[in-house]
PDB file of N, CA and C in Angstrom:
ATOM      1  N   UNK A   1       0.984  16.909   6.007  1.00  0.00           N
ATOM      2  CA  UNK A   1       2.291  16.911   6.619  1.00  0.00           C
ATOM      3  C   UNK A   1       2.509  15.574   7.311  1.00  0.00           C
ATOM      4  N   UNK A   2       3.637  15.009   7.093  1.00  0.00           N
ATOM      5  CA  UNK A   2       3.986  13.725   7.667  1.00  0.00           C
ATOM      6  C   UNK A   2       4.309  13.903   9.155  1.00  0.00           C
ATOM      7  N   UNK A   3       3.918  12.915   9.961  1.00  0.00           N
ATOM      8  CA  UNK A   3       4.132  12.999  11.410  1.00  0.00           C
ATOM      9  C   UNK A   3       5.622  13.050  11.756  1.00  0.00           C
ATOM     10  N   UNK A   4       6.453  12.420  10.906  1.00  0.00           N
ATOM     11  CA  UNK A   4       7.891  12.430  11.185  1.00  0.00           C
ATOM     12  C   UNK A   4       8.455  13.843  11.079  1.00  0.00           C
ATOM     13  N   UNK A   5       7.941  14.616  10.129  1.00  0.00           N
ATOM     14  CA  UNK A   5       8.397  16.001  10.007  1.00  0.00           C
ATOM     15  C   UNK A   5       7.856  16.851  11.151  1.00  0.00           C
ATOM     16  N   UNK A   6       6.711  16.466  11.664  1.00  0.00           N
ATOM     17  CA  UNK A   6       6.152  17.166  12.820  1.00  0.00           C
ATOM     18  C   UNK A   6       7.055  17.063  14.038  1.00  0.00           C
ATOM     19  N   UNK A   7       7.711  15.905  14.186  1.00  0.00           N
ATOM     20  CA  UNK A   7       8.642  15.738  15.302  1.00  0.00           C
ATOM     21  C   UNK A   7       9.891  16.600  15.127  1.00  0.00           C
ATOM     22  N   UNK A   8      10.212  16.985  13.909  1.00  0.00           N
ATOM     23  CA  UNK A   8      11.397  17.825  13.668  1.00  0.00           C
ATOM     24  C   UNK A   8      11.160  19.266  14.123  1.00  0.00           C
ATOM     25  N   UNK A   9       9.910  19.629  14.356  1.00  0.00           N
ATOM     26  CA  UNK A   9       9.605  20.987  14.817  1.00  0.00           C
ATOM     27  C   UNK A   9      10.123  21.200  16.239  1.00  0.00           C
ATOM     28  N   UNK A  10      10.067  20.165  17.067  1.00  0.00           N
ATOM     29  CA  UNK A  10      10.495  20.308  18.457  1.00  0.00           C
ATOM     30  C   UNK A  10      11.974  20.706  18.572  1.00  0.00           C
ATOM     31  N   UNK A  11      12.900  20.033  17.863  1.00  0.00           N
ATOM     32  CA  UNK A  11      14.298  20.490  17.955  1.00  0.00           C
ATOM     33  C   UNK A  11      14.522  21.827  17.255  1.00  0.00           C
ATOM     34  N   UNK A  12      13.714  22.123  16.252  1.00  0.00           N
ATOM     35  CA  UNK A  12      13.864  23.387  15.534  1.00  0.00           C
ATOM     36  C   UNK A  12      13.635  24.568  16.475  1.00  0.00           C
ATOM     37  N   UNK A  13      12.646  24.466  17.343  1.00  0.00           N
ATOM     38  CA  UNK A  13      12.343  25.541  18.293  1.00  0.00           C
ATOM     39  C   UNK A  13      12.955  25.279  19.676  1.00  0.00           C
ATOM     40  N   UNK A  14      13.851  24.284  19.743  1.00  0.00           N
ATOM     41  CA  UNK A  14      14.565  23.915  20.967  1.00  0.00           C
ATOM     42  C   UNK A  14      13.625  23.615  22.133  1.00  0.00           C
ATOM     43  N   UNK A  15      12.524  22.959  21.820  1.00  0.00           N
ATOM     44  CA  UNK A  15      11.596  22.502  22.851  1.00  0.00           C
ATOM     45  C   UNK A  15      12.063  21.143  23.371  1.00  0.00           C
ATOM     46  N   UNK A  16      12.492  20.286  22.462  1.00  0.00           N
ATOM     47  CA  UNK A  16      12.893  18.928  22.805  1.00  0.00           C
ATOM     48  C   UNK A  16      14.147  18.621  21.989  1.00  0.00           C
ATOM     49  N   UNK A  17      15.309  18.887  22.517  1.00  0.00           N
ATOM     50  CA  UNK A  17      16.564  18.773  21.786  1.00  0.00           C
ATOM     51  C   UNK A  17      16.798  20.018  20.950  1.00  0.00           C
ATOM     52  N   UNK A  18      17.871  20.003  20.172  1.00  0.00           N
ATOM     53  CA  UNK A  18      18.146  21.132  19.280  1.00  0.00           C
ATOM     54  C   UNK A  18      19.009  20.644  18.116  1.00  0.00           C
ATOM     55  N   UNK A  19      18.949  21.365  17.008  1.00  0.00           N
ATOM     56  CA  UNK A  19      19.802  21.064  15.869  1.00  0.00           C
ATOM     57  C   UNK A  19      21.161  21.707  16.103  1.00  0.00           C
ATOM     58  N   UNK A  20      22.213  20.973  15.789  1.00  0.00           N
ATOM     59  CA  UNK A  20      23.560  21.502  15.946  1.00  0.00           C
ATOM     60  C   UNK A  20      24.577  20.597  15.277  1.00  0.00           C
ATOM     61  N   UNK A  21      25.809  21.081  15.224  1.00  0.00           N
ATOM     62  CA  UNK A  21      26.891  20.315  14.613  1.00  0.00           C
ATOM     63  C   UNK A  21      27.352  19.235  15.588  1.00  0.00           C
ATOM     64  N   UNK A  22      27.380  18.001  15.101  1.00  0.00           N
ATOM     65  CA  UNK A  22      27.842  16.871  15.914  1.00  0.00           C
ATOM     66  C   UNK A  22      29.220  16.458  15.400  1.00  0.00           C
ATOM     67  N   UNK A  23      30.280  16.715  16.164  1.00  0.00           N
ATOM     68  CA  UNK A  23      31.629  16.391  15.697  1.00  0.00           C
ATOM     69  C   UNK A  23      31.863  14.883  15.549  1.00  0.00           C
ATOM     70  N   UNK A  24      31.125  14.042  16.267  1.00  0.00           N
ATOM     71  CA  UNK A  24      31.272  12.586  16.123  1.00  0.00           C
ATOM     72  C   UNK A  24      30.839  12.122  14.734  1.00  0.00           C
ATOM     73  N   UNK A  25      29.751  12.698  14.259  1.00  0.00           N
ATOM     74  CA  UNK A  25      29.203  12.318  12.962  1.00  0.00           C
ATOM     75  C   UNK A  25      29.771  13.196  11.849  1.00  0.00           C
ATOM     76  N   UNK A  26      30.054  14.423  12.174  1.00  0.00           N
ATOM     77  CA  UNK A  26      30.578  15.364  11.187  1.00  0.00           C
ATOM     78  C   UNK A  26      29.501  16.060  10.391  1.00  0.00           C
ATOM     79  N   UNK A  27      28.271  16.017  10.872  1.00  0.00           N
ATOM     80  CA  UNK A  27      27.158  16.676  10.185  1.00  0.00           C
ATOM     81  C   UNK A  27      26.264  17.350  11.215  1.00  0.00           C
ATOM     82  N   UNK A  28      25.284  18.059  10.702  1.00  0.00           N
ATOM     83  CA  UNK A  28      24.253  18.647  11.557  1.00  0.00           C
ATOM     84  C   UNK A  28      23.343  17.521  12.025  1.00  0.00           C
ATOM     85  N   UNK A  29      23.039  17.521  13.294  1.00  0.00           N
ATOM     86  CA  UNK A  29      22.236  16.451  13.868  1.00  0.00           C
ATOM     87  C   UNK A  29      21.392  17.003  15.004  1.00  0.00           C
ATOM     88  N   UNK A  30      20.559  16.163  15.554  1.00  0.00           N
ATOM     89  CA  UNK A  30      19.760  16.558  16.711  1.00  0.00           C
ATOM     90  C   UNK A  30      20.608  16.312  17.956  1.00  0.00           C
ATOM     91  N   UNK A  31      20.832  17.372  18.714  1.00  0.00           N
ATOM     92  CA  UNK A  31      21.668  17.307  19.922  1.00  0.00           C
ATOM     93  C   UNK A  31      20.762  17.298  21.153  1.00  0.00           C
ATOM     94  N   UNK A  32      21.314  16.833  22.247  1.00  0.00           N
ATOM     95  CA  UNK A  32      20.568  16.853  23.503  1.00  0.00           C
ATOM     96  C   UNK A  32      20.473  18.283  24.018  1.00  0.00           C
ATOM     97  N   UNK A  33      19.344  18.585  24.602  1.00  0.00           N
ATOM     98  CA  UNK A  33      19.136  19.875  25.250  1.00  0.00           C
ATOM     99  C   UNK A  33      18.558  19.576  26.625  1.00  0.00           C
ATOM    100  N   UNK A  34      19.245  19.968  27.651  1.00  0.00           N
ATOM    101  CA  UNK A  34      18.834  19.673  29.034  1.00  0.00           C
ATOM    102  C   UNK A  34      18.729  18.161  29.260  1.00  0.00           C
ATOM    103  N   UNK A  35      19.594  17.402  28.608  1.00  0.00           N
ATOM    104  CA  UNK A  35      19.606  15.950  28.787  1.00  0.00           C
ATOM    105  C   UNK A  35      18.506  15.220  28.043  1.00  0.00           C
ATOM    106  N   UNK A  36      17.768  15.915  27.197  1.00  0.00           N
ATOM    107  CA  UNK A  36      16.658  15.297  26.467  1.00  0.00           C
ATOM    108  C   UNK A  36      16.906  15.391  24.964  1.00  0.00           C
ATOM    109  N   UNK A  37      16.647  14.296  24.260  1.00  0.00           N
ATOM    110  CA  UNK A  37      16.797  14.264  22.810  1.00  0.00           C
ATOM    111  C   UNK A  37      15.668  13.410  22.211  1.00  0.00           C
ATOM    112  N   UNK A  38      15.063  13.861  21.128  1.00  0.00           N
ATOM    113  CA  UNK A  38      13.967  13.099  20.517  1.00  0.00           C
ATOM    114  C   UNK A  38      14.447  12.027  19.535  1.00  0.00           C
ATOM    115  N   UNK A  39      15.752  11.751  19.492  1.00  0.00           N
ATOM    116  CA  UNK A  39      16.266  10.813  18.492  1.00  0.00           C
ATOM    117  C   UNK A  39      15.606   9.438  18.579  1.00  0.00           C
ATOM    118  N   UNK A  40      15.515   8.867  19.770  1.00  0.00           N
ATOM    119  CA  UNK A  40      14.937   7.526  19.897  1.00  0.00           C
ATOM    120  C   UNK A  40      13.473   7.525  19.473  1.00  0.00           C
ATOM    121  N   UNK A  41      12.740   8.553  19.858  1.00  0.00           N
ATOM    122  CA  UNK A  41      11.340   8.650  19.443  1.00  0.00           C
ATOM    123  C   UNK A  41      11.233   8.779  17.938  1.00  0.00           C
ATOM    124  N   UNK A  42      12.104   9.573  17.341  1.00  0.00           N
ATOM    125  CA  UNK A  42      12.103   9.718  15.881  1.00  0.00           C
ATOM    126  C   UNK A  42      12.425   8.395  15.193  1.00  0.00           C
ATOM    127  N   UNK A  43      13.387   7.657  15.726  1.00  0.00           N
ATOM    128  CA  UNK A  43      13.720   6.354  15.139  1.00  0.00           C
ATOM    129  C   UNK A  43      12.539   5.395  15.223  1.00  0.00           C
ATOM    130  N   UNK A  44      11.877   5.399  16.362  1.00  0.00           N
ATOM    131  CA  UNK A  44      10.726   4.499  16.534  1.00  0.00           C
ATOM    132  C   UNK A  44       9.595   4.892  15.594  1.00  0.00           C
ATOM    133  N   UNK A  45       9.288   6.178  15.518  1.00  0.00           N
ATOM    134  CA  UNK A  45       8.183   6.644  14.677  1.00  0.00           C
ATOM    135  C   UNK A  45       8.527   6.519  13.193  1.00  0.00           C
ATOM    136  N   UNK A  46       9.777   6.846  12.822  1.00  0.00           N
ATOM    137  CA  UNK A  46      10.148   6.870  11.404  1.00  0.00           C
ATOM    138  C   UNK A  46      10.516   5.491  10.870  1.00  0.00           C
ATOM    139  N   UNK A  47      11.004   4.591  11.711  1.00  0.00           N
ATOM    140  CA  UNK A  47      11.420   3.276  11.247  1.00  0.00           C
ATOM    141  C   UNK A  47      10.628   2.144  11.896  1.00  0.00           C
ATOM    142  N   UNK A  48      10.486   2.176  13.185  1.00  0.00           N
ATOM    143  CA  UNK A  48       9.840   1.080  13.903  1.00  0.00           C
ATOM    144  C   UNK A  48       8.371   0.929  13.581  1.00  0.00           C
ATOM    145  N   UNK A  49       7.634   2.020  13.605  1.00  0.00           N
ATOM    146  CA  UNK A  49       6.199   1.971  13.336  1.00  0.00           C
ATOM    147  C   UNK A  49       5.897   1.511  11.911  1.00  0.00           C
ATOM    148  N   UNK A  50       6.533   2.075  10.873  1.00  0.00           N
ATOM    149  CA  UNK A  50       6.286   1.563   9.520  1.00  0.00           C
ATOM    150  C   UNK A  50       6.709   0.095   9.365  1.00  0.00           C
ATOM    151  N   UNK A  51       7.788  -0.297  10.027  1.00  0.00           N
ATOM    152  CA  UNK A  51       8.213  -1.700   9.950  1.00  0.00           C
ATOM    153  C   UNK A  51       7.178  -2.617  10.588  1.00  0.00           C
ATOM    154  N   UNK A  52       6.609  -2.199  11.683  1.00  0.00           N
ATOM    155  CA  UNK A  52       5.575  -2.985  12.337  1.00  0.00           C
ATOM    156  C   UNK A  52       4.332  -3.117  11.449  1.00  0.00           C
ATOM    157  N   UNK A  53       3.921  -2.017  10.847  1.00  0.00           N
ATOM    158  CA  UNK A  53       2.772  -2.049   9.939  1.00  0.00           C
ATOM    159  C   UNK A  53       3.059  -2.982   8.762  1.00  0.00           C
ATOM    160  N   UNK A  54       4.261  -2.879   8.208  1.00  0.00           N
ATOM    161  CA  UNK A  54       4.679  -3.737   7.102  1.00  0.00           C
ATOM    162  C   UNK A  54       4.610  -5.206   7.517  1.00  0.00           C
ATOM    163  N   UNK A  55       5.143  -5.534   8.669  1.00  0.00           N
ATOM    164  CA  UNK A  55       5.161  -6.901   9.160  1.00  0.00           C
ATOM    165  C   UNK A  55       3.744  -7.441   9.375  1.00  0.00           C
ATOM    166  N   UNK A  56       2.890  -6.653   9.987  1.00  0.00           N
ATOM    167  CA  UNK A  56       1.515  -7.094  10.255  1.00  0.00           C
ATOM    168  C   UNK A  56       0.754  -7.291   8.944  1.00  0.00           C
ATOM    169  N   UNK A  57       0.867  -6.335   8.024  1.00  0.00           N
ATOM    170  CA  UNK A  57       0.125  -6.428   6.757  1.00  0.00           C
ATOM    171  C   UNK A  57       0.578  -7.619   5.928  1.00  0.00           C
ATOM    172  N   UNK A  58       1.872  -7.805   5.786  1.00  0.00           N
ATOM    173  CA  UNK A  58       2.356  -8.914   4.981  1.00  0.00           C
ATOM    174  C   UNK A  58       2.136 -10.258   5.662  1.00  0.00           C
ATOM    175  N   UNK A  59       2.117 -10.293   6.981  1.00  0.00           N
ATOM    176  CA  UNK A  59       1.771 -11.527   7.674  1.00  0.00           C
ATOM    177  C   UNK A  59       0.319 -11.892   7.394  1.00  0.00           C
ATOM    178  N   UNK A  60      -0.535 -10.906   7.401  1.00  0.00           N
ATOM    179  CA  UNK A  60      -1.956 -11.146   7.100  1.00  0.00           C
ATOM    180  C   UNK A  60      -2.138 -11.605   5.652  1.00  0.00           C
ATOM    181  N   UNK A  61      -1.433 -10.978   4.727  1.00  0.00           N
ATOM    182  CA  UNK A  61      -1.505 -11.402   3.328  1.00  0.00           C
ATOM    183  C   UNK A  61      -1.039 -12.847   3.190  1.00  0.00           C
ATOM    184  N   UNK A  62       0.077 -13.183   3.845  1.00  0.00           N
ATOM    185  CA  UNK A  62       0.568 -14.563   3.802  1.00  0.00           C
ATOM    186  C   UNK A  62      -0.482 -15.523   4.333  1.00  0.00           C
ATOM    187  N   UNK A  63      -1.111 -15.184   5.449  1.00  0.00           N
ATOM    188  CA  UNK A  63      -2.107 -16.064   6.063  1.00  0.00           C
ATOM    189  C   UNK A  63      -3.311 -16.266   5.149  1.00  0.00           C
ATOM    190  N   UNK A  64      -3.791 -15.195   4.519  1.00  0.00           N
ATOM    191  CA  UNK A  64      -4.944 -15.302   3.621  1.00  0.00           C
ATOM    192  C   UNK A  64      -4.592 -16.169   2.410  1.00  0.00           C
ATOM    193  N   UNK A  65      -3.413 -15.956   1.826  1.00  0.00           N
ATOM    194  CA  UNK A  65      -2.986 -16.762   0.676  1.00  0.00           C
ATOM    195  C   UNK A  65      -2.812 -18.225   1.089  1.00  0.00           C
ATOM    196  N   UNK A  66      -2.255 -18.457   2.275  1.00  0.00           N
ATOM    197  CA  UNK A  66      -2.074 -19.824   2.763  1.00  0.00           C
ATOM    198  C   UNK A  66      -3.427 -20.521   2.925  1.00  0.00           C
ATOM    199  N   UNK A  67      -4.389 -19.841   3.526  1.00  0.00           N
ATOM    200  CA  UNK A  67      -5.721 -20.427   3.705  1.00  0.00           C
ATOM    201  C   UNK A  67      -6.375 -20.715   2.362  1.00  0.00           C
ATOM    202  N   UNK A  68      -6.236 -19.791   1.408  1.00  0.00           N
ATOM    203  CA  UNK A  68      -6.818 -19.998   0.080  1.00  0.00           C
ATOM    204  C   UNK A  68      -6.166 -21.186  -0.615  1.00  0.00           C
ATOM    205  N   UNK A  69      -4.860 -21.319  -0.475  1.00  0.00           N
ATOM    206  CA  UNK A  69      -4.183 -22.455  -1.113  1.00  0.00           C
ATOM    207  C   UNK A  69      -4.617 -23.773  -0.478  1.00  0.00           C
ATOM    208  N   UNK A  70      -4.842 -23.768   0.825  1.00  0.00           N
ATOM    209  CA  UNK A  70      -5.326 -24.983   1.489  1.00  0.00           C
ATOM    210  C   UNK A  70      -6.719 -25.362   0.986  1.00  0.00           C
ATOM    211  N   UNK A  71      -7.580 -24.355   0.778  1.00  0.00           N
ATOM    212  CA  UNK A  71      -8.913 -24.638   0.234  1.00  0.00           C
ATOM    213  C   UNK A  71      -8.827 -25.170  -1.185  1.00  0.00           C
ATOM    214  N   UNK A  72      -7.930 -24.613  -1.988  1.00  0.00           N
ATOM    215  CA  UNK A  72      -7.767 -25.083  -3.368  1.00  0.00           C
ATOM    216  C   UNK A  72      -7.282 -26.527  -3.374  1.00  0.00           C
ATOM    217  N   UNK A  73      -6.310 -26.841  -2.513  1.00  0.00           N
ATOM    218  CA  UNK A  73      -5.808 -28.210  -2.444  1.00  0.00           C
ATOM    219  C   UNK A  73      -6.914 -29.163  -2.014  1.00  0.00           C
ATOM    220  N   UNK A  74      -7.686 -28.771  -1.015  1.00  0.00           N
ATOM    221  CA  UNK A  74      -8.785 -29.616  -0.540  1.00  0.00           C
ATOM    222  C   UNK A  74      -9.817 -29.822  -1.638  1.00  0.00           C
ATOM    223  N   UNK A  75     -10.204 -28.742  -2.329  1.00  0.00           N
ATOM    224  CA  UNK A  75     -11.185 -28.848  -3.406  1.00  0.00           C
ATOM    225  C   UNK A  75     -10.662 -29.674  -4.569  1.00  0.00           C
ATOM    226  N   UNK A  76      -9.378 -29.521  -4.889  1.00  0.00           N
ATOM    227  CA  UNK A  76      -8.824 -30.279  -6.013  1.00  0.00           C
ATOM    228  C   UNK A  76      -8.771 -31.764  -5.684  1.00  0.00           C
ATOM    229  N   UNK A  77      -8.501 -32.112  -4.421  1.00  0.00           N
ATOM    230  CA  UNK A  77      -8.504 -33.521  -4.036  1.00  0.00           C
ATOM    231  C   UNK A  77      -9.904 -34.101  -4.119  1.00  0.00           C
ATOM    232  N   UNK A  78     -10.903 -33.327  -3.749  1.00  0.00           N
ATOM    233  CA  UNK A  78     -12.283 -33.795  -3.869  1.00  0.00           C
ATOM    234  C   UNK A  78     -12.668 -33.950  -5.323  1.00  0.00           C
ATOM    235  N   UNK A  79     -12.230 -33.039  -6.189  1.00  0.00           N
ATOM    236  CA  UNK A  79     -12.553 -33.113  -7.612  1.00  0.00           C
ATOM    237  C   UNK A  79     -11.831 -34.259  -8.302  1.00  0.00           C
ATOM    238  N   UNK A  80     -10.656 -34.628  -7.809  1.00  0.00           N
ATOM    239  CA  UNK A  80      -9.934 -35.749  -8.406  1.00  0.00           C
ATOM    240  C   UNK A  80     -10.747 -37.022  -8.250  1.00  0.00           C
ATOM    241  N   UNK A  81     -11.309 -37.249  -7.080  1.00  0.00           N
ATOM    242  CA  UNK A  81     -12.106 -38.453  -6.878  1.00  0.00           C
ATOM    243  C   UNK A  81     -13.360 -38.419  -7.742  1.00  0.00           C
ATOM    244  N   UNK A  82     -13.951 -37.258  -7.906  1.00  0.00           N
ATOM    245  CA  UNK A  82     -15.130 -37.136  -8.773  1.00  0.00           C
ATOM    246  C   UNK A  82     -14.733 -37.378 -10.218  1.00  0.00           C
ATOM    247  N   UNK A  83     -13.618 -36.800 -10.654  1.00  0.00           N
ATOM    248  CA  UNK A  83     -13.175 -36.980 -12.032  1.00  0.00           C
ATOM    249  C   UNK A  83     -12.836 -38.437 -12.315  1.00  0.00           C
ATOM    250  N   UNK A  84     -12.270 -39.155 -11.348  1.00  0.00           N
ATOM    251  CA  UNK A  84     -11.960 -40.556 -11.558  1.00  0.00           C
ATOM    252  C   UNK A  84     -13.238 -41.355 -11.769  1.00  0.00           C
ATOM    253  N   UNK A  85     -14.268 -41.078 -10.990  1.00  0.00           N
ATOM    254  CA  UNK A  85     -15.511 -41.815 -11.148  1.00  0.00           C
ATOM    255  C   UNK A  85     -16.177 -41.467 -12.463  1.00  0.00           C
ATOM    256  N   UNK A  86     -16.093 -40.220 -12.876  1.00  0.00           N
ATOM    257  CA  UNK A  86     -16.669 -39.827 -14.165  1.00  0.00           C
ATOM    258  C   UNK A  86     -15.900 -40.507 -15.285  1.00  0.00           C
ATOM    259  N   UNK A  87     -14.584 -40.516 -15.183  1.00  0.00           N
ATOM    260  CA  UNK A  87     -13.768 -41.162 -16.211  1.00  0.00           C
ATOM    261  C   UNK A  87     -14.068 -42.650 -16.265  1.00  0.00           C
ATOM    262  N   UNK A  88     -14.192 -43.263 -15.087  1.00  0.00           N
ATOM    263  CA  UNK A  88     -14.491 -44.695 -15.049  1.00  0.00           C
ATOM    264  C   UNK A  88     -15.838 -44.974 -15.691  1.00  0.00           C
ATOM    265  N   UNK A  89     -16.856 -44.196 -15.357  1.00  0.00           N
ATOM    266  CA  UNK A  89     -18.182 -44.429 -15.920  1.00  0.00           C
ATOM    267  C   UNK A  89     -18.209 -44.105 -17.407  1.00  0.00           C
ATOM    268  N   UNK A  90     -17.447 -43.120 -17.849  1.00  0.00           N
ATOM    269  CA  UNK A  90     -17.421 -42.813 -19.274  1.00  0.00           C
ATOM    270  C   UNK A  90     -16.724 -43.927 -20.052  1.00  0.00           C
ATOM    271  N   UNK A  91     -15.732 -44.576 -19.434  1.00  0.00           N
ATOM    272  CA  UNK A  91     -15.101 -45.728 -20.083  1.00  0.00           C
ATOM    273  C   UNK A  91     -16.104 -46.868 -20.211  1.00  0.00           C
ATOM    274  N   UNK A  92     -16.900 -47.078 -19.149  1.00  0.00           N
ATOM    275  CA  UNK A  92     -17.917 -48.123 -19.209  1.00  0.00           C
ATOM    276  C   UNK A  92     -18.911 -47.846 -20.323  1.00  0.00           C
ATOM    277  N   UNK A  93     -19.334 -46.611 -20.446  1.00  0.00           N
ATOM    278  CA  UNK A  93     -20.289 -46.254 -21.495  1.00  0.00           C
ATOM    279  C   UNK A  93     -19.658 -46.443 -22.866  1.00  0.00           C
ATOM    280  N   UNK A  94     -18.412 -46.002 -23.031  1.00  0.00           N
ATOM    281  CA  UNK A  94     -17.739 -46.112 -24.320  1.00  0.00           C
ATOM    282  C   UNK A  94     -17.592 -47.575 -24.739  1.00  0.00           C
ATOM    283  N   UNK A  95     -17.025 -48.392 -23.823  1.00  0.00           N
ATOM    284  CA  UNK A  95     -16.830 -49.792 -24.166  1.00  0.00           C
ATOM    285  C   UNK A  95     -18.165 -50.531 -24.246  1.00  0.00           C
ATOM    286  N   UNK A  96     -19.130 -50.104 -23.456  1.00  0.00           N
ATOM    287  CA  UNK A  96     -20.456 -50.700 -23.548  1.00  0.00           C
ATOM    288  C   UNK A  96     -21.085 -50.445 -24.906  1.00  0.00           C
ATOM    289  N   UNK A  97     -20.891 -49.258 -25.434  1.00  0.00           N
ATOM    290  CA  UNK A  97     -21.418 -48.949 -26.762  1.00  0.00           C
ATOM    291  C   UNK A  97     -20.710 -49.761 -27.840  1.00  0.00           C
ATOM    292  N   UNK A  98     -19.407 -49.910 -27.717  1.00  0.00           N
ATOM    293  CA  UNK A  98     -18.663 -50.698 -28.708  1.00  0.00           C
ATOM    294  C   UNK A  98     -19.123 -52.152 -28.671  1.00  0.00           C
ATOM    295  N   UNK A  99     -19.273 -52.682 -27.463  1.00  0.00           N
ATOM    296  CA  UNK A  99     -19.748 -54.062 -27.344  1.00  0.00           C
ATOM    297  C   UNK A  99     -21.155 -54.171 -27.907  1.00  0.00           C
ATOM    298  N   UNK A 100     -22.010 -53.211 -27.649  1.00  0.00           N
ATOM    299  CA  UNK A 100     -23.368 -53.218 -28.198  1.00  0.00           C
ATOM    300  C   UNK A 100     -23.363 -53.168 -29.716  1.00  0.00           C
ATOM    301  N   UNK A 101     -22.494 -52.360 -30.293  1.00  0.00           N
ATOM    302  CA  UNK A 101     -22.400 -52.266 -31.759  1.00  0.00           C
ATOM    303  C   UNK A 101     -21.908 -53.593 -32.328  1.00  0.00           C
ATOM    304  N   UNK A 102     -20.912 -54.215 -31.679  1.00  0.00           N
ATOM    305  CA  UNK A 102     -20.412 -55.511 -32.155  1.00  0.00           C
ATOM    306  C   UNK A 102     -21.495 -56.574 -32.088  1.00  0.00           C
ATOM    307  N   UNK A 103     -22.271 -56.603 -31.005  1.00  0.00           N
ATOM    308  CA  UNK A 103     -23.363 -57.564 -30.894  1.00  0.00           C
ATOM    309  C   UNK A 103     -24.389 -57.332 -31.992  1.00  0.00           C
ATOM    310  N   UNK A 104     -24.702 -56.062 -32.241  1.00  0.00           N
ATOM    311  CA  UNK A 104     -25.691 -55.736 -33.286  1.00  0.00           C
ATOM    312  C   UNK A 104     -25.194 -56.205 -34.641  1.00  0.00           C
ATOM    313  N   UNK A 105     -23.892 -55.992 -34.923  1.00  0.00           N
ATOM    314  CA  UNK A 105     -23.315 -56.399 -36.208  1.00  0.00           C
ATOM    315  C   UNK A 105     -23.329 -57.930 -36.323  1.00  0.00           C
ATOM    316  N   UNK A 106     -23.011 -58.615 -35.202  1.00  0.00           N
ATOM    317  CA  UNK A 106     -23.021 -60.078 -35.248  1.00  0.00           C
ATOM    318  C   UNK A 106     -24.431 -60.609 -35.474  1.00  0.00           C
ATOM    319  N   UNK A 107     -25.441 -60.011 -34.860  1.00  0.00           N
ATOM    320  CA  UNK A 107     -26.833 -60.460 -35.057  1.00  0.00           C
ATOM    321  C   UNK A 107     -27.256 -60.212 -36.496  1.00  0.00           C
ATOM    322  N   UNK A 108     -26.821 -59.100 -37.065  1.00  0.00           N
ATOM    323  CA  UNK A 108     -27.200 -58.755 -38.422  1.00  0.00           C
ATOM    324  C   UNK A 108     -26.588 -59.746 -39.399  1.00  0.00           C
ATOM    325  N   UNK A 109     -25.381 -60.214 -39.118  1.00  0.00           N
ATOM    326  CA  UNK A 109     -24.720 -61.148 -40.021  1.00  0.00           C
ATOM    327  C   UNK A 109     -25.332 -62.542 -39.924  1.00  0.00           C
ATOM    328  N   UNK A 110     -25.908 -62.901 -38.790  1.00  0.00           N
ATOM    329  CA  UNK A 110     -26.483 -64.249 -38.637  1.00  0.00           C
ATOM    330  C   UNK A 110     -27.803 -64.248 -39.256  1.00  0.00           C
TER     331      UNK A 110
END
């Protein structure tokens, strides 16, 4: 049983407010009984509390995703410098091999 429906038991048994026709709204509503009505409590429990949970959970999700993206950016920047050095050294090896092959061919022809 949902806690929000549990609060509806109080007006049903006229412990805290009562159900009755509200001419302002034109429908059955929770009316005050002895100057007391659970409407504000029901609004807080039925809307405010779930909204707060929603806000806290999604804020936490945003924070975790933000931190992960910052780590990815940091790691990718570190890998870029490593990749540049690997690319540079691989170019040296490639051109070094070509120069070595050309020297070998020139020695063979002489």
